[in-house]
């Protein structure tokens, strides 16, 4: 069954109020319950659009092994002491947006700066759980800045259903019996930063990286 939504929350009369159309023995009409269903659908969709991860960042970014373009390389195993900033933000459940096949967008927000004449870059990537990003087209997005004072940075990655990995889910009671079993869809999220200086004498910085889900475009 397809459940539609008006795309916005519509207030219904307060229970017990003078215009209470949901009072005992006063059944509402189809229009009223259609609004209630729309509200419930909207709430369920919005509940899945949430902040996934927040980090501190780094003021010691000078790793320069990233090649922008459709095929890139990045040292996902590099430690902060190597001048890189790499974080596995985590593996998260991601659902399609309501009854549609649309997948929420993945968004990375941060503040950053570079040092003249170099460029600071920020990358957001996804992969299957247990894997590092392959950097194939459609699995990562980047942004760069040459600002030498703190500036807002933002990266948005349009997710597609094929990027979501089915994972078995089993819910057990206190006695160990399986009450419910099925699958949900997950993906792993990675965040990285680089600076074209390639030298510890000229560092970039990234602060407060935050990953969140946004509604489909």
Protein backbone atom coordinates (compact mmCIF):
# COMPACT_ATOMS: atom_id res chain seq x y z
CA UNK A 1 0.00 0.00 0.00
CA UNK A 2 1.27 3.45 -0.88
CA UNK A 3 0.98 6.09 1.82
CA UNK A 4 1.23 9.65 0.62
CA UNK A 5 2.16 12.73 2.59
CA UNK A 6 1.43 16.40 2.12
CA UNK A 7 5.12 17.07 2.83
CA UNK A 8 4.39 19.24 5.86
CA UNK A 9 2.93 18.81 9.32
CA UNK A 10 -0.78 19.71 9.56
CA UNK A 11 -2.09 20.44 13.05
CA UNK A 12 -5.22 18.59 14.13
CA UNK A 13 -7.65 19.77 16.84
CA UNK A 14 -6.38 19.36 20.38
CA UNK A 15 -7.87 16.38 22.20
CA UNK A 16 -10.64 17.48 24.55
CA UNK A 17 -11.00 20.89 22.92
CA UNK A 18 -14.23 22.43 21.75
CA UNK A 19 -13.60 21.37 18.16
CA UNK A 20 -12.42 17.87 19.06
CA UNK A 21 -13.35 15.69 16.09
CA UNK A 22 -11.67 12.60 17.57
CA UNK A 23 -13.84 12.45 20.70
CA UNK A 24 -15.35 9.19 21.94
CA UNK A 25 -18.26 8.01 19.78
CA UNK A 26 -17.57 10.79 17.28
CA UNK A 27 -15.63 9.06 14.49
CA UNK A 28 -13.74 11.31 12.14
CA UNK A 29 -14.20 11.38 8.42
CA UNK A 30 -11.82 9.98 5.81
CA UNK A 31 -10.25 13.39 5.27
CA UNK A 32 -9.27 13.73 8.91
CA UNK A 33 -7.61 10.35 9.05
CA UNK A 34 -5.84 11.02 5.77
CA UNK A 35 -4.25 14.04 7.45
CA UNK A 36 -3.31 11.92 10.47
CA UNK A 37 -1.71 9.32 8.17
CA UNK A 38 0.14 12.06 6.31
CA UNK A 39 1.52 13.43 9.59
CA UNK A 40 2.62 9.97 10.71
CA UNK A 41 4.37 9.32 7.39
CA UNK A 42 6.14 12.67 7.53
CA UNK A 43 7.27 12.07 11.13
CA UNK A 44 8.64 8.63 10.24
CA UNK A 45 10.62 10.09 7.33
CA UNK A 46 12.01 13.02 9.29
CA UNK A 47 13.02 10.72 12.16
CA UNK A 48 15.54 9.08 9.85
CA UNK A 49 17.14 12.41 8.91
CA UNK A 50 19.57 12.81 11.78
CA UNK A 51 23.12 13.69 12.74
CA UNK A 52 25.28 10.59 12.34
CA UNK A 53 28.67 11.71 13.65
CA UNK A 54 30.61 14.67 15.02
CA UNK A 55 34.41 14.97 15.22
CA UNK A 56 37.00 17.37 16.62
CA UNK A 57 39.07 17.75 13.44
CA UNK A 58 42.79 18.47 13.22
CA UNK A 59 45.13 21.48 12.95
CA UNK A 60 47.93 19.30 11.47
CA UNK A 61 46.79 18.53 7.93
CA UNK A 62 49.55 18.38 5.33
CA UNK A 63 49.16 15.01 3.62
CA UNK A 64 48.86 15.70 -0.12
CA UNK A 65 48.21 12.27 -1.66
CA UNK A 66 44.79 12.95 -3.11
CA UNK A 67 44.13 13.36 -6.80
CA UNK A 68 40.86 15.10 -7.58
CA UNK A 69 38.80 13.82 -10.45
CA UNK A 70 36.69 10.80 -11.20
CA UNK A 71 39.41 8.44 -9.97
CA UNK A 72 41.36 9.50 -6.91
CA UNK A 73 43.72 8.03 -4.35
CA UNK A 74 43.70 8.75 -0.66
CA UNK A 75 45.59 7.15 2.22
CA UNK A 76 42.61 5.92 4.21
CA UNK A 77 44.96 4.09 6.56
CA UNK A 78 47.08 7.17 7.32
CA UNK A 79 47.43 8.21 10.96
CA UNK A 80 47.16 11.81 12.12
CA UNK A 81 50.91 11.81 12.81
CA UNK A 82 51.46 11.37 9.06
CA UNK A 83 49.84 14.74 8.44
CA UNK A 84 46.57 13.28 7.28
CA UNK A 85 43.12 13.48 8.79
CA UNK A 86 41.13 10.28 8.34
CA UNK A 87 38.14 9.04 10.31
CA UNK A 88 35.80 6.11 9.96
CA UNK A 89 32.72 7.96 11.18
CA UNK A 90 30.94 4.63 11.64
CA UNK A 91 28.48 2.20 10.10
CA UNK A 92 24.92 3.49 10.10
CA UNK A 93 21.42 2.35 9.21
CA UNK A 94 20.07 4.31 6.26
CA UNK A 95 16.53 3.85 4.99
CA UNK A 96 14.84 4.98 1.84
CA UNK A 97 12.73 8.09 2.28
CA UNK A 98 9.20 6.87 2.95
CA UNK A 99 7.55 4.62 0.38
CA UNK A 100 9.73 5.98 -2.43
CA UNK A 101 13.00 4.49 -3.66
CA UNK A 102 14.78 7.77 -2.91
CA UNK A 103 17.71 7.62 -0.51
CA UNK A 104 18.60 10.54 1.81
CA UNK A 105 21.63 12.63 0.91
CA UNK A 106 24.77 12.42 3.04
CA UNK A 107 26.08 15.82 4.13
CA UNK A 108 29.39 16.85 5.73
CA UNK A 109 29.80 20.28 7.30
CA UNK A 110 33.00 21.66 8.85
CA UNK A 111 35.15 24.77 9.17
CA UNK A 112 38.64 24.90 7.76
CA UNK A 113 41.57 26.96 6.55
CA UNK A 114 44.73 26.55 4.53
CA UNK A 115 47.99 28.47 4.27
CA UNK A 116 49.01 30.42 1.15
CA UNK A 117 49.53 29.37 -1.58
CA UNK A 118 48.18 25.89 -0.80
CA UNK A 119 44.76 24.26 -0.90
CA UNK A 120 42.91 22.42 1.84
CA UNK A 121 40.55 19.66 0.75
CA UNK A 122 37.79 17.73 2.47
CA UNK A 123 36.42 14.39 1.29
CA UNK A 124 33.29 12.45 2.25
CA UNK A 125 33.13 8.82 1.15
CA UNK A 126 31.05 5.68 1.69
CA UNK A 127 31.85 1.98 1.54
CA UNK A 128 30.48 -1.39 2.55
CA UNK A 129 31.00 -2.24 6.24
CA UNK A 130 34.54 -3.49 6.85
CA UNK A 131 35.91 -1.96 3.65
CA UNK A 132 37.81 1.24 2.87
CA UNK A 133 36.36 3.54 0.19
CA UNK A 134 37.20 2.45 -3.35
CA UNK A 135 36.98 6.03 -4.63
CA UNK A 136 34.92 4.92 -7.61
CA UNK A 137 32.61 7.54 -9.07
CA UNK A 138 29.46 8.12 -7.04
CA UNK A 139 30.93 6.93 -3.73
CA UNK A 140 32.70 10.12 -2.71
CA UNK A 141 32.47 13.90 -2.95
CA UNK A 142 35.00 16.63 -2.20
CA UNK A 143 35.38 20.34 -1.64
CA UNK A 144 38.45 22.57 -1.42
CA UNK A 145 39.40 26.00 -0.13
CA UNK A 146 42.38 28.34 -0.33
CA UNK A 147 41.07 30.56 2.47
CA UNK A 148 43.68 31.44 5.06
CA UNK A 149 41.07 32.27 7.70
CA UNK A 150 38.36 29.95 8.99
CA UNK A 151 35.64 29.38 6.44
CA UNK A 152 32.58 27.14 6.23
CA UNK A 153 33.01 23.95 4.22
CA UNK A 154 30.26 21.65 2.99
CA UNK A 155 30.19 18.40 1.03
CA UNK A 156 27.02 16.60 -0.08
CA UNK A 157 26.99 13.07 -1.49
CA UNK A 158 23.89 11.84 -3.33
CA UNK A 159 23.35 8.26 -2.19
CA UNK A 160 21.73 5.57 -4.34
CA UNK A 161 19.99 2.33 -3.28
CA UNK A 162 22.84 0.17 -4.60
CA UNK A 163 25.21 1.70 -2.02
CA UNK A 164 23.11 0.40 0.88
CA UNK A 165 24.21 -3.02 2.15
CA UNK A 166 21.55 -5.43 3.49
CA UNK A 167 22.34 -6.59 7.02
CA UNK A 168 20.51 -9.28 8.98
CA UNK A 169 18.69 -8.15 12.09
CA UNK A 170 17.53 -10.42 14.91
CA UNK A 171 15.68 -9.17 17.98
CA UNK A 172 15.61 -11.54 20.95
CA UNK A 173 13.59 -11.64 24.14
CA UNK A 174 15.17 -11.86 27.56
CA UNK A 175 14.95 -15.64 27.35
CA UNK A 176 16.87 -15.76 24.09
CA UNK A 177 13.92 -16.48 21.80
CA UNK A 178 13.90 -14.60 18.51
CA UNK A 179 10.94 -12.21 18.54
CA UNK A 180 11.56 -10.60 15.18
CA UNK A 181 14.05 -11.10 12.35
CA UNK A 182 14.69 -9.43 9.04
CA UNK A 183 17.07 -7.06 7.31
CA UNK A 184 17.93 -3.39 7.36
CA UNK A 185 20.29 -1.44 5.12
CA UNK A 186 23.58 0.09 6.26
CA UNK A 187 26.70 1.80 4.94
CA UNK A 188 30.04 2.92 6.37
CA UNK A 189 30.95 6.61 6.26
CA UNK A 190 34.50 7.99 6.01
CA UNK A 191 35.79 11.53 6.38
CA UNK A 192 39.22 12.75 5.26
CA UNK A 193 41.18 15.96 4.76
CA UNK A 194 44.36 16.85 2.88
CA UNK A 195 46.54 19.86 2.09
CA UNK A 196 48.53 20.34 -1.11
CA UNK A 197 51.58 21.66 0.77
CA UNK A 198 52.81 18.15 1.52
CA UNK A 199 54.95 19.65 4.27
CA UNK A 200 54.65 19.85 8.03
CA UNK A 201 55.91 23.42 7.77
CA UNK A 202 52.71 24.47 5.97
CA UNK A 203 49.61 23.00 7.54
CA UNK A 204 45.93 23.21 6.92
CA UNK A 205 43.24 22.73 9.56
CA UNK A 206 39.73 21.35 9.72
CA UNK A 207 37.45 21.81 12.73
CA UNK A 208 34.13 20.33 13.85
CA UNK A 209 33.38 17.93 10.99
CA UNK A 210 29.76 16.80 11.27
CA UNK A 211 28.02 14.17 9.15
CA UNK A 212 24.24 14.14 8.82
CA UNK A 213 21.47 12.85 6.62
CA UNK A 214 19.34 15.22 4.56
CA UNK A 215 16.19 14.55 2.57
CA UNK A 216 16.59 13.47 -1.06
CA UNK A 217 17.04 16.23 -3.61
